[in-house]
Amino acid sequence: SYTCVYVCMCVYVYVHSGSAEWSDKTEGSLWKGANIIFTDINMPGSIDGLMLGRILRKIGIGCPIVAVSARGDEKVRLDCAQSGINEVLLKPVAKTWVKRILVKVLTDHQASKIVE
């Protein structure tokens, strides 16, 4: 299932959860308006969070992607970076960390758009 949540000053946050099946909704139109995307690395279904990151980057989605994982070792972080995922949050996720990540990745993303 997909949930669109509005947070701090009309930032569109798409939280990708549940079964990850490729469909028309995941082929780009759902993601185009997102300012940031949260996904779990280990999801049931045909694609996991790493595959989702690669697919979204391939279809031109440029907003930050944050993965949520129970593991935070260097391999997970490297796999995420190679999949186009910007940050990794460790479970259980605290509200304070979500706030920090939102500020960090959205600030970094806006700065990179200015440099381009």
PDB file of N, CA and C in Angstrom:
ATOM      1  N   SER A   1       0.842  -1.182   0.000  1.00  0.00           N
ATOM      2  CA  SER A   1       0.000   0.000   0.000  1.00  0.00           C
ATOM      3  C   SER A   1       0.882   1.238   0.000  1.00  0.00           C
ATOM      4  N   TYR A   2       0.343   2.351  -0.429  1.00  0.00           N
ATOM      5  CA  TYR A   2       1.091   3.598  -0.516  1.00  0.00           C
ATOM      6  C   TYR A   2       0.342   4.661   0.257  1.00  0.00           C
ATOM      7  N   THR A   3       1.075   5.434   1.016  1.00  0.00           N
ATOM      8  CA  THR A   3       0.466   6.483   1.799  1.00  0.00           C
ATOM      9  C   THR A   3       1.158   7.790   1.493  1.00  0.00           C
ATOM     10  N   CYS A   4       0.395   8.810   1.197  1.00  0.00           N
ATOM     11  CA  CYS A   4       0.951  10.142   0.991  1.00  0.00           C
ATOM     12  C   CYS A   4       0.678  10.941   2.251  1.00  0.00           C
ATOM     13  N   VAL A   5       1.711  11.460   2.849  1.00  0.00           N
ATOM     14  CA  VAL A   5       1.590  12.207   4.086  1.00  0.00           C
ATOM     15  C   VAL A   5       2.102  13.619   3.849  1.00  0.00           C
ATOM     16  N   TYR A   6       1.422  14.606   4.378  1.00  0.00           N
ATOM     17  CA  TYR A   6       1.900  15.982   4.278  1.00  0.00           C
ATOM     18  C   TYR A   6       2.621  16.330   5.570  1.00  0.00           C
ATOM     19  N   VAL A   7       3.838  16.814   5.468  1.00  0.00           N
ATOM     20  CA  VAL A   7       4.575  17.262   6.646  1.00  0.00           C
ATOM     21  C   VAL A   7       5.209  18.603   6.338  1.00  0.00           C
ATOM     22  N   CYS A   8       5.585  19.296   7.362  1.00  0.00           N
ATOM     23  CA  CYS A   8       6.261  20.594   7.332  1.00  0.00           C
ATOM     24  C   CYS A   8       6.232  21.321   5.998  1.00  0.00           C
ATOM     25  N   MET A   9       5.393  22.285   5.904  1.00  0.00           N
ATOM     26  CA  MET A   9       5.304  23.205   4.775  1.00  0.00           C
ATOM     27  C   MET A   9       5.126  22.517   3.422  1.00  0.00           C
ATOM     28  N   CYS A  10       4.133  21.677   3.318  1.00  0.00           N
ATOM     29  CA  CYS A  10       3.745  21.066   2.042  1.00  0.00           C
ATOM     30  C   CYS A  10       4.833  20.223   1.392  1.00  0.00           C
ATOM     31  N   VAL A  11       5.636  19.551   2.167  1.00  0.00           N
ATOM     32  CA  VAL A  11       6.592  18.596   1.619  1.00  0.00           C
ATOM     33  C   VAL A  11       5.830  17.290   1.435  1.00  0.00           C
ATOM     34  N   TYR A  12       5.858  16.738   0.238  1.00  0.00           N
ATOM     35  CA  TYR A  12       5.172  15.477  -0.027  1.00  0.00           C
ATOM     36  C   TYR A  12       6.103  14.326   0.325  1.00  0.00           C
ATOM     37  N   VAL A  13       5.656  13.487   1.231  1.00  0.00           N
ATOM     38  CA  VAL A  13       6.435  12.335   1.658  1.00  0.00           C
ATOM     39  C   VAL A  13       5.670  11.092   1.248  1.00  0.00           C
ATOM     40  N   TYR A  14       6.286  10.232   0.470  1.00  0.00           N
ATOM     41  CA  TYR A  14       5.670   8.960   0.116  1.00  0.00           C
ATOM     42  C   TYR A  14       6.326   7.872   0.942  1.00  0.00           C
ATOM     43  N   VAL A  15       5.510   7.158   1.675  1.00  0.00           N
ATOM     44  CA  VAL A  15       5.983   6.049   2.483  1.00  0.00           C
ATOM     45  C   VAL A  15       5.586   4.785   1.749  1.00  0.00           C
ATOM     46  N   HIS A  16       6.578   4.018   1.331  1.00  0.00           N
ATOM     47  CA  HIS A  16       6.324   2.789   0.589  1.00  0.00           C
ATOM     48  C   HIS A  16       6.375   1.643   1.584  1.00  0.00           C
ATOM     49  N   SER A  17       5.266   0.949   1.742  1.00  0.00           N
ATOM     50  CA  SER A  17       5.218  -0.134   2.711  1.00  0.00           C
ATOM     51  C   SER A  17       4.361  -1.263   2.174  1.00  0.00           C
ATOM     52  N   GLY A  18       4.427  -2.376   2.859  1.00  0.00           N
ATOM     53  CA  GLY A  18       3.617  -3.512   2.442  1.00  0.00           C
ATOM     54  C   GLY A  18       4.247  -4.246   1.282  1.00  0.00           C
ATOM     55  N   SER A  19       3.445  -4.950   0.547  1.00  0.00           N
ATOM     56  CA  SER A  19       3.930  -5.761  -0.562  1.00  0.00           C
ATOM     57  C   SER A  19       4.425  -4.879  -1.697  1.00  0.00           C
ATOM     58  N   ALA A  20       5.593  -5.173  -2.166  1.00  0.00           N
ATOM     59  CA  ALA A  20       6.193  -4.384  -3.244  1.00  0.00           C
ATOM     60  C   ALA A  20       5.999  -5.099  -4.571  1.00  0.00           C
ATOM     61  N   GLU A  21       4.922  -4.839  -5.210  1.00  0.00           N
ATOM     62  CA  GLU A  21       4.648  -5.406  -6.525  1.00  0.00           C
ATOM     63  C   GLU A  21       4.740  -4.294  -7.549  1.00  0.00           C
ATOM     64  N   TRP A  22       5.348  -4.561  -8.691  1.00  0.00           N
ATOM     65  CA  TRP A  22       5.470  -3.548  -9.733  1.00  0.00           C
ATOM     66  C   TRP A  22       4.124  -3.398 -10.422  1.00  0.00           C
ATOM     67  N   SER A  23       3.654  -2.190 -10.551  1.00  0.00           N
ATOM     68  CA  SER A  23       2.369  -1.932 -11.194  1.00  0.00           C
ATOM     69  C   SER A  23       2.421  -0.567 -11.851  1.00  0.00           C
ATOM     70  N   ASP A  24       1.323  -0.179 -12.474  1.00  0.00           N
ATOM     71  CA  ASP A  24       1.254   1.145 -13.092  1.00  0.00           C
ATOM     72  C   ASP A  24       1.543   2.245 -12.083  1.00  0.00           C
ATOM     73  N   LYS A  25       1.114   2.062 -10.841  1.00  0.00           N
ATOM     74  CA  LYS A  25       1.337   3.092  -9.829  1.00  0.00           C
ATOM     75  C   LYS A  25       2.821   3.274  -9.531  1.00  0.00           C
ATOM     76  N   THR A  26       3.605   2.205  -9.661  1.00  0.00           N
ATOM     77  CA  THR A  26       5.026   2.324  -9.339  1.00  0.00           C
ATOM     78  C   THR A  26       5.864   2.657 -10.554  1.00  0.00           C
ATOM     79  N   GLU A  27       5.266   2.857 -11.688  1.00  0.00           N
ATOM     80  CA  GLU A  27       6.042   3.154 -12.889  1.00  0.00           C
ATOM     81  C   GLU A  27       6.358   4.630 -13.051  1.00  0.00           C
ATOM     82  N   GLY A  28       6.146   5.418 -12.052  1.00  0.00           N
ATOM     83  CA  GLY A  28       6.576   6.801 -12.116  1.00  0.00           C
ATOM     84  C   GLY A  28       5.562   7.826 -11.695  1.00  0.00           C
ATOM     85  N   SER A  29       4.305   7.655 -12.079  1.00  0.00           N
ATOM     86  CA  SER A  29       3.324   8.705 -11.811  1.00  0.00           C
ATOM     87  C   SER A  29       3.122   8.940 -10.316  1.00  0.00           C
ATOM     88  N   LEU A  30       3.119   7.892  -9.528  1.00  0.00           N
ATOM     89  CA  LEU A  30       2.925   8.035  -8.089  1.00  0.00           C
ATOM     90  C   LEU A  30       4.085   8.782  -7.447  1.00  0.00           C
ATOM     91  N   TRP A  31       5.277   8.558  -7.959  1.00  0.00           N
ATOM     92  CA  TRP A  31       6.487   9.077  -7.325  1.00  0.00           C
ATOM     93  C   TRP A  31       6.863  10.483  -7.781  1.00  0.00           C
ATOM     94  N   LYS A  32       6.344  10.936  -8.913  1.00  0.00           N
ATOM     95  CA  LYS A  32       6.788  12.196  -9.515  1.00  0.00           C
ATOM     96  C   LYS A  32       6.649  13.404  -8.594  1.00  0.00           C
ATOM     97  N   GLY A  33       5.612  13.455  -7.766  1.00  0.00           N
ATOM     98  CA  GLY A  33       5.407  14.608  -6.905  1.00  0.00           C
ATOM     99  C   GLY A  33       6.108  14.530  -5.564  1.00  0.00           C
ATOM    100  N   ALA A  34       6.815  13.436  -5.305  1.00  0.00           N
ATOM    101  CA  ALA A  34       7.432  13.253  -3.991  1.00  0.00           C
ATOM    102  C   ALA A  34       8.649  14.148  -3.815  1.00  0.00           C
ATOM    103  N   ASN A  35       8.794  14.683  -2.607  1.00  0.00           N
ATOM    104  CA  ASN A  35      10.003  15.394  -2.233  1.00  0.00           C
ATOM    105  C   ASN A  35      10.975  14.455  -1.537  1.00  0.00           C
ATOM    106  N   ILE A  36      10.448  13.376  -0.980  1.00  0.00           N
ATOM    107  CA  ILE A  36      11.268  12.374  -0.296  1.00  0.00           C
ATOM    108  C   ILE A  36      10.470  11.068  -0.265  1.00  0.00           C
ATOM    109  N   ILE A  37      11.169   9.945  -0.333  1.00  0.00           N
ATOM    110  CA  ILE A  37      10.524   8.626  -0.314  1.00  0.00           C
ATOM    111  C   ILE A  37      11.162   7.797   0.793  1.00  0.00           C
ATOM    112  N   PHE A  38      10.335   7.184   1.635  1.00  0.00           N
ATOM    113  CA  PHE A  38      10.790   6.242   2.658  1.00  0.00           C
ATOM    114  C   PHE A  38      10.395   4.840   2.214  1.00  0.00           C
ATOM    115  N   THR A  39      11.318   3.894   2.346  1.00  0.00           N
ATOM    116  CA  THR A  39      11.021   2.505   2.008  1.00  0.00           C
ATOM    117  C   THR A  39      11.761   1.576   2.955  1.00  0.00           C
ATOM    118  N   ASP A  40      11.181   0.429   3.231  1.00  0.00           N
ATOM    119  CA  ASP A  40      11.872  -0.591   4.007  1.00  0.00           C
ATOM    120  C   ASP A  40      12.766  -1.370   3.051  1.00  0.00           C
ATOM    121  N   ILE A  41      13.922  -1.793   3.521  1.00  0.00           N
ATOM    122  CA  ILE A  41      14.817  -2.564   2.658  1.00  0.00           C
ATOM    123  C   ILE A  41      14.252  -3.953   2.394  1.00  0.00           C
ATOM    124  N   ASN A  42      13.754  -4.607   3.429  1.00  0.00           N
ATOM    125  CA  ASN A  42      13.238  -5.975   3.289  1.00  0.00           C
ATOM    126  C   ASN A  42      11.723  -5.962   3.263  1.00  0.00           C
ATOM    127  N   MET A  43      11.163  -5.974   2.057  1.00  0.00           N
ATOM    128  CA  MET A  43       9.712  -5.989   1.893  1.00  0.00           C
ATOM    129  C   MET A  43       9.294  -7.287   1.217  1.00  0.00           C
ATOM    130  N   PRO A  44       8.106  -7.778   1.556  1.00  0.00           N
ATOM    131  CA  PRO A  44       7.607  -8.951   0.836  1.00  0.00           C
ATOM    132  C   PRO A  44       7.202  -8.550  -0.575  1.00  0.00           C
ATOM    133  N   GLY A  45       7.207  -9.489  -1.465  1.00  0.00           N
ATOM    134  CA  GLY A  45       6.782  -9.190  -2.830  1.00  0.00           C
ATOM    135  C   GLY A  45       7.911  -9.367  -3.820  1.00  0.00           C
ATOM    136  N   SER A  46       7.700  -8.856  -5.001  1.00  0.00           N
ATOM    137  CA  SER A  46       8.647  -9.104  -6.087  1.00  0.00           C
ATOM    138  C   SER A  46       9.863  -8.190  -6.065  1.00  0.00           C
ATOM    139  N   ILE A  47       9.794  -7.065  -5.353  1.00  0.00           N
ATOM    140  CA  ILE A  47      10.963  -6.190  -5.264  1.00  0.00           C
ATOM    141  C   ILE A  47      11.187  -5.769  -3.818  1.00  0.00           C
ATOM    142  N   ASP A  48      12.458  -5.551  -3.461  1.00  0.00           N
ATOM    143  CA  ASP A  48      12.772  -5.057  -2.125  1.00  0.00           C
ATOM    144  C   ASP A  48      13.123  -3.575  -2.219  1.00  0.00           C
ATOM    145  N   GLY A  49      13.490  -2.977  -1.103  1.00  0.00           N
ATOM    146  CA  GLY A  49      13.797  -1.554  -1.080  1.00  0.00           C
ATOM    147  C   GLY A  49      14.983  -1.179  -1.957  1.00  0.00           C
ATOM    148  N   LEU A  50      15.977  -2.069  -2.040  1.00  0.00           N
ATOM    149  CA  LEU A  50      17.146  -1.798  -2.883  1.00  0.00           C
ATOM    150  C   LEU A  50      16.753  -1.773  -4.357  1.00  0.00           C
ATOM    151  N   MET A  51      15.950  -2.739  -4.766  1.00  0.00           N
ATOM    152  CA  MET A  51      15.470  -2.783  -6.148  1.00  0.00           C
ATOM    153  C   MET A  51      14.597  -1.565  -6.441  1.00  0.00           C
ATOM    154  N   LEU A  52      13.752  -1.194  -5.489  1.00  0.00           N
ATOM    155  CA  LEU A  52      12.909  -0.018  -5.674  1.00  0.00           C
ATOM    156  C   LEU A  52      13.773   1.221  -5.906  1.00  0.00           C
ATOM    157  N   GLY A  53      14.838   1.367  -5.118  1.00  0.00           N
ATOM    158  CA  GLY A  53      15.747   2.499  -5.305  1.00  0.00           C
ATOM    159  C   GLY A  53      16.338   2.527  -6.701  1.00  0.00           C
ATOM    160  N   ARG A  54      16.813   1.376  -7.174  1.00  0.00           N
ATOM    161  CA  ARG A  54      17.400   1.304  -8.526  1.00  0.00           C
ATOM    162  C   ARG A  54      16.367   1.644  -9.598  1.00  0.00           C
ATOM    163  N   ILE A  55      15.160   1.101  -9.446  1.00  0.00           N
ATOM    164  CA  ILE A  55      14.105   1.352 -10.436  1.00  0.00           C
ATOM    165  C   ILE A  55      13.734   2.829 -10.464  1.00  0.00           C
ATOM    166  N   LEU A  56      13.544   3.415  -9.292  1.00  0.00           N
ATOM    167  CA  LEU A  56      13.155   4.827  -9.243  1.00  0.00           C
ATOM    168  C   LEU A  56      14.227   5.723  -9.855  1.00  0.00           C
ATOM    169  N   ARG A  57      15.488   5.418  -9.602  1.00  0.00           N
ATOM    170  CA  ARG A  57      16.562   6.218 -10.210  1.00  0.00           C
ATOM    171  C   ARG A  57      16.579   6.022 -11.725  1.00  0.00           C
ATOM    172  N   LYS A  58      16.332   4.786 -12.170  1.00  0.00           N
ATOM    173  CA  LYS A  58      16.342   4.499 -13.607  1.00  0.00           C
ATOM    174  C   LYS A  58      15.239   5.250 -14.349  1.00  0.00           C
ATOM    175  N   ILE A  59      14.080   5.432 -13.712  1.00  0.00           N
ATOM    176  CA  ILE A  59      12.987   6.138 -14.383  1.00  0.00           C
ATOM    177  C   ILE A  59      13.040   7.647 -14.141  1.00  0.00           C
ATOM    178  N   GLY A  60      14.118   8.106 -13.517  1.00  0.00           N
ATOM    179  CA  GLY A  60      14.343   9.543 -13.400  1.00  0.00           C
ATOM    180  C   GLY A  60      13.830  10.220 -12.146  1.00  0.00           C
ATOM    181  N   ILE A  61      13.488   9.450 -11.125  1.00  0.00           N
ATOM    182  CA  ILE A  61      13.049  10.059  -9.868  1.00  0.00           C
ATOM    183  C   ILE A  61      14.297  10.534  -9.127  1.00  0.00           C
ATOM    184  N   GLY A  62      14.389  11.819  -8.885  1.00  0.00           N
ATOM    185  CA  GLY A  62      15.602  12.395  -8.305  1.00  0.00           C
ATOM    186  C   GLY A  62      15.507  12.789  -6.849  1.00  0.00           C
ATOM    187  N   CYS A  63      14.314  12.675  -6.252  1.00  0.00           N
ATOM    188  CA  CYS A  63      14.184  13.091  -4.853  1.00  0.00           C
ATOM    189  C   CYS A  63      14.930  12.118  -3.938  1.00  0.00           C
ATOM    190  N   PRO A  64      15.263  12.546  -2.727  1.00  0.00           N
ATOM    191  CA  PRO A  64      15.960  11.656  -1.795  1.00  0.00           C
ATOM    192  C   PRO A  64      15.122  10.425  -1.453  1.00  0.00           C
ATOM    193  N   ILE A  65      15.822   9.307  -1.299  1.00  0.00           N
ATOM    194  CA  ILE A  65      15.192   8.060  -0.863  1.00  0.00           C
ATOM    195  C   ILE A  65      15.850   7.662   0.449  1.00  0.00           C
ATOM    196  N   VAL A  66      15.034   7.374   1.458  1.00  0.00           N
ATOM    197  CA  VAL A  66      15.518   6.947   2.765  1.00  0.00           C
ATOM    198  C   VAL A  66      15.040   5.520   2.993  1.00  0.00           C
ATOM    199  N   ALA A  67      15.974   4.631   3.306  1.00  0.00           N
ATOM    200  CA  ALA A  67      15.629   3.238   3.589  1.00  0.00           C
ATOM    201  C   ALA A  67      15.569   3.028   5.095  1.00  0.00           C
ATOM    202  N   VAL A  68      14.677   2.160   5.510  1.00  0.00           N
ATOM    203  CA  VAL A  68      14.566   1.772   6.911  1.00  0.00           C
ATOM    204  C   VAL A  68      15.012   0.321   6.995  1.00  0.00           C
ATOM    205  N   SER A  69      15.885   0.027   7.976  1.00  0.00           N
ATOM    206  CA  SER A  69      16.428  -1.322   8.075  1.00  0.00           C
ATOM    207  C   SER A  69      16.685  -1.691   9.530  1.00  0.00           C
ATOM    208  N   ALA A  70      16.626  -2.985   9.810  1.00  0.00           N
ATOM    209  CA  ALA A  70      16.988  -3.480  11.132  1.00  0.00           C
ATOM    210  C   ALA A  70      18.505  -3.615  11.248  1.00  0.00           C
ATOM    211  N   ARG A  71      19.192  -3.626  10.110  1.00  0.00           N
ATOM    212  CA  ARG A  71      20.653  -3.759  10.092  1.00  0.00           C
ATOM    213  C   ARG A  71      21.283  -2.454   9.625  1.00  0.00           C
ATOM    214  N   GLY A  72      22.368  -2.074  10.282  1.00  0.00           N
ATOM    215  CA  GLY A  72      23.026  -0.829   9.905  1.00  0.00           C
ATOM    216  C   GLY A  72      24.494  -1.006   9.604  1.00  0.00           C
ATOM    217  N   ASP A  73      24.881  -2.230   9.250  1.00  0.00           N
ATOM    218  CA  ASP A  73      26.294  -2.482   8.990  1.00  0.00           C
ATOM    219  C   ASP A  73      26.744  -1.816   7.691  1.00  0.00           C
ATOM    220  N   GLU A  74      28.036  -1.826   7.473  1.00  0.00           N
ATOM    221  CA  GLU A  74      28.616  -1.134   6.318  1.00  0.00           C
ATOM    222  C   GLU A  74      28.120  -1.706   4.992  1.00  0.00           C
ATOM    223  N   LYS A  75      27.890  -3.024   4.928  1.00  0.00           N
ATOM    224  CA  LYS A  75      27.399  -3.633   3.687  1.00  0.00           C
ATOM    225  C   LYS A  75      26.017  -3.083   3.317  1.00  0.00           C
ATOM    226  N   VAL A  76      25.138  -2.954   4.304  1.00  0.00           N
ATOM    227  CA  VAL A  76      23.800  -2.405   4.045  1.00  0.00           C
ATOM    228  C   VAL A  76      23.917  -0.981   3.525  1.00  0.00           C
ATOM    229  N   ARG A  77      24.759  -0.181   4.164  1.00  0.00           N
ATOM    230  CA  ARG A  77      24.927   1.216   3.741  1.00  0.00           C
ATOM    231  C   ARG A  77      25.515   1.298   2.331  1.00  0.00           C
ATOM    232  N   LEU A  78      26.470   0.439   2.018  1.00  0.00           N
ATOM    233  CA  LEU A  78      27.066   0.414   0.680  1.00  0.00           C
ATOM    234  C   LEU A  78      26.037  -0.036  -0.361  1.00  0.00           C
ATOM    235  N   ASP A  79      25.290  -1.104  -0.056  1.00  0.00           N
ATOM    236  CA  ASP A  79      24.242  -1.577  -0.972  1.00  0.00           C
ATOM    237  C   ASP A  79      23.206  -0.483  -1.235  1.00  0.00           C
ATOM    238  N   CYS A  80      22.845   0.238  -0.183  1.00  0.00           N
ATOM    239  CA  CYS A  80      21.871   1.328  -0.335  1.00  0.00           C
ATOM    240  C   CYS A  80      22.431   2.430  -1.229  1.00  0.00           C
ATOM    241  N   ALA A  81      23.663   2.827  -0.980  1.00  0.00           N
ATOM    242  CA  ALA A  81      24.278   3.887  -1.790  1.00  0.00           C
ATOM    243  C   ALA A  81      24.339   3.474  -3.257  1.00  0.00           C
ATOM    244  N   GLN A  82      24.682   2.217  -3.521  1.00  0.00           N
ATOM    245  CA  GLN A  82      24.770   1.729  -4.898  1.00  0.00           C
ATOM    246  C   GLN A  82      23.391   1.614  -5.552  1.00  0.00           C
ATOM    247  N   SER A  83      22.347   1.571  -4.743  1.00  0.00           N
ATOM    248  CA  SER A  83      20.976   1.468  -5.264  1.00  0.00           C
ATOM    249  C   SER A  83      20.305   2.824  -5.415  1.00  0.00           C
ATOM    250  N   GLY A  84      21.034   3.892  -5.125  1.00  0.00           N
ATOM    251  CA  GLY A  84      20.461   5.229  -5.256  1.00  0.00           C
ATOM    252  C   GLY A  84      19.750   5.723  -4.012  1.00  0.00           C
ATOM    253  N   ILE A  85      19.926   5.009  -2.914  1.00  0.00           N
ATOM    254  CA  ILE A  85      19.302   5.395  -1.647  1.00  0.00           C
ATOM    255  C   ILE A  85      20.244   6.344  -0.916  1.00  0.00           C
ATOM    256  N   ASN A  86      19.698   7.454  -0.442  1.00  0.00           N
ATOM    257  CA  ASN A  86      20.512   8.504   0.153  1.00  0.00           C
ATOM    258  C   ASN A  86      20.889   8.270   1.607  1.00  0.00           C
ATOM    259  N   GLU A  87      19.977   7.739   2.390  1.00  0.00           N
ATOM    260  CA  GLU A  87      20.199   7.570   3.827  1.00  0.00           C
ATOM    261  C   GLU A  87      19.558   6.280   4.307  1.00  0.00           C
ATOM    262  N   VAL A  88      20.053   5.785   5.464  1.00  0.00           N
ATOM    263  CA  VAL A  88      19.483   4.595   6.090  1.00  0.00           C
ATOM    264  C   VAL A  88      19.100   4.947   7.525  1.00  0.00           C
ATOM    265  N   LEU A  89      17.870   4.653   7.887  1.00  0.00           N
ATOM    266  CA  LEU A  89      17.395   4.802   9.262  1.00  0.00           C
ATOM    267  C   LEU A  89      17.304   3.418   9.881  1.00  0.00           C
ATOM    268  N   LEU A  90      17.782   3.284  11.117  1.00  0.00           N
ATOM    269  CA  LEU A  90      17.724   1.999  11.801  1.00  0.00           C
ATOM    270  C   LEU A  90      16.434   1.856  12.596  1.00  0.00           C
ATOM    271  N   LYS A  91      15.890   0.642  12.562  1.00  0.00           N
ATOM    272  CA  LYS A  91      14.703   0.326  13.355  1.00  0.00           C
ATOM    273  C   LYS A  91      15.138   0.055  14.793  1.00  0.00           C
ATOM    274  N   PRO A  92      14.348   0.354  15.769  1.00  0.00           N
ATOM    275  CA  PRO A  92      13.102   1.110  15.683  1.00  0.00           C
ATOM    276  C   PRO A  92      13.404   2.583  15.407  1.00  0.00           C
ATOM    277  N   VAL A  93      12.579   3.195  14.595  1.00  0.00           N
ATOM    278  CA  VAL A  93      12.810   4.572  14.165  1.00  0.00           C
ATOM    279  C   VAL A  93      12.155   5.539  15.154  1.00  0.00           C
ATOM    280  N   ALA A  94      12.962   6.453  15.667  1.00  0.00           N
ATOM    281  CA  ALA A  94      12.449   7.474  16.584  1.00  0.00           C
ATOM    282  C   ALA A  94      12.052   8.721  15.799  1.00  0.00           C
ATOM    283  N   LYS A  95      11.044   9.441  16.289  1.00  0.00           N
ATOM    284  CA  LYS A  95      10.590  10.665  15.618  1.00  0.00           C
ATOM    285  C   LYS A  95      11.727  11.668  15.445  1.00  0.00           C
ATOM    286  N   THR A  96      12.601  11.753  16.431  1.00  0.00           N
ATOM    287  CA  THR A  96      13.700  12.724  16.336  1.00  0.00           C
ATOM    288  C   THR A  96      14.613  12.407  15.161  1.00  0.00           C
ATOM    289  N   TRP A  97      14.832  11.117  14.890  1.00  0.00           N
ATOM    290  CA  TRP A  97      15.687  10.741  13.757  1.00  0.00           C
ATOM    291  C   TRP A  97      15.000  11.018  12.432  1.00  0.00           C
ATOM    292  N   VAL A  98      13.696  10.815  12.376  1.00  0.00           N
ATOM    293  CA  VAL A  98      12.958  11.131  11.146  1.00  0.00           C
ATOM    294  C   VAL A  98      13.074  12.621  10.862  1.00  0.00           C
ATOM    295  N   LYS A  99      12.909  13.450  11.887  1.00  0.00           N
ATOM    296  CA  LYS A  99      13.052  14.899  11.705  1.00  0.00           C
ATOM    297  C   LYS A  99      14.443  15.254  11.191  1.00  0.00           C
ATOM    298  N   ARG A 100      15.474  14.672  11.818  1.00  0.00           N
ATOM    299  CA  ARG A 100      16.854  14.959  11.403  1.00  0.00           C
ATOM    300  C   ARG A 100      17.100  14.557   9.954  1.00  0.00           C
ATOM    301  N   ILE A 101      16.625  13.381   9.597  1.00  0.00           N
ATOM    302  CA  ILE A 101      16.808  12.898   8.222  1.00  0.00           C
ATOM    303  C   ILE A 101      16.062  13.796   7.243  1.00  0.00           C
ATOM    304  N   LEU A 102      14.831  14.182   7.576  1.00  0.00           N
ATOM    305  CA  LEU A 102      14.071  15.072   6.694  1.00  0.00           C
ATOM    306  C   LEU A 102      14.831  16.369   6.444  1.00  0.00           C
ATOM    307  N   VAL A 103      15.317  16.984   7.505  1.00  0.00           N
ATOM    308  CA  VAL A 103      16.059  18.240   7.357  1.00  0.00           C
ATOM    309  C   VAL A 103      17.327  18.017   6.551  1.00  0.00           C
ATOM    310  N   LYS A 104      18.076  16.958   6.863  1.00  0.00           N
ATOM    311  CA  LYS A 104      19.352  16.708   6.185  1.00  0.00           C
ATOM    312  C   LYS A 104      19.173  16.428   4.696  1.00  0.00           C
ATOM    313  N   VAL A 105      18.350  15.443   4.362  1.00  0.00           N
ATOM    314  CA  VAL A 105      18.265  15.058   2.947  1.00  0.00           C
ATOM    315  C   VAL A 105      17.564  16.110   2.106  1.00  0.00           C
ATOM    316  N   LEU A 106      16.567  16.763   2.662  1.00  0.00           N
ATOM    317  CA  LEU A 106      15.895  17.796   1.877  1.00  0.00           C
ATOM    318  C   LEU A 106      16.792  19.014   1.690  1.00  0.00           C
ATOM    319  N   THR A 107      17.591  19.354   2.704  1.00  0.00           N
ATOM    320  CA  THR A 107      18.551  20.452   2.574  1.00  0.00           C
ATOM    321  C   THR A 107      19.620  20.096   1.551  1.00  0.00           C
ATOM    322  N   ASP A 108      20.180  18.882   1.651  1.00  0.00           N
ATOM    323  CA  ASP A 108      21.197  18.427   0.690  1.00  0.00           C
ATOM    324  C   ASP A 108      20.636  18.416  -0.725  1.00  0.00           C
ATOM    325  N   HIS A 109      19.404  17.933  -0.871  1.00  0.00           N
ATOM    326  CA  HIS A 109      18.777  17.829  -2.194  1.00  0.00           C
ATOM    327  C   HIS A 109      18.561  19.213  -2.801  1.00  0.00           C
ATOM    328  N   GLN A 110      18.079  20.149  -2.007  1.00  0.00           N
ATOM    329  CA  GLN A 110      17.863  21.510  -2.509  1.00  0.00           C
ATOM    330  C   GLN A 110      19.187  22.163  -2.876  1.00  0.00           C
ATOM    331  N   ALA A 111      20.221  21.936  -2.064  1.00  0.00           N
ATOM    332  CA  ALA A 111      21.539  22.512  -2.358  1.00  0.00           C
ATOM    333  C   ALA A 111      22.090  21.952  -3.657  1.00  0.00           C
ATOM    334  N   SER A 112      21.899  20.655  -3.904  1.00  0.00           N
ATOM    335  CA  SER A 112      22.416  20.054  -5.142  1.00  0.00           C
ATOM    336  C   SER A 112      21.681  20.596  -6.360  1.00  0.00           C
ATOM    337  N   LYS A 113      20.404  20.926  -6.222  1.00  0.00           N
ATOM    338  CA  LYS A 113      19.649  21.496  -7.345  1.00  0.00           C
ATOM    339  C   LYS A 113      20.146  22.901  -7.673  1.00  0.00           C
ATOM    340  N   ILE A 114      20.565  23.651  -6.648  1.00  0.00           N
ATOM    341  CA  ILE A 114      21.081  25.000  -6.861  1.00  0.00           C
ATOM    342  C   ILE A 114      22.413  24.943  -7.595  1.00  0.00           C
ATOM    343  N   VAL A 115      23.276  23.979  -7.219  1.00  0.00           N
ATOM    344  CA  VAL A 115      24.596  23.832  -7.836  1.00  0.00           C
ATOM    345  C   VAL A 115      24.474  23.437  -9.294  1.00  0.00           C
ATOM    346  N   GLU A 116      23.478  22.609  -9.624  1.00  0.00           N
ATOM    347  CA  GLU A 116      23.290  22.170 -11.005  1.00  0.00           C
ATOM    348  C   GLU A 116      22.972  23.366 -11.835  1.00  0.00           C
TER     349      GLU A 116
END
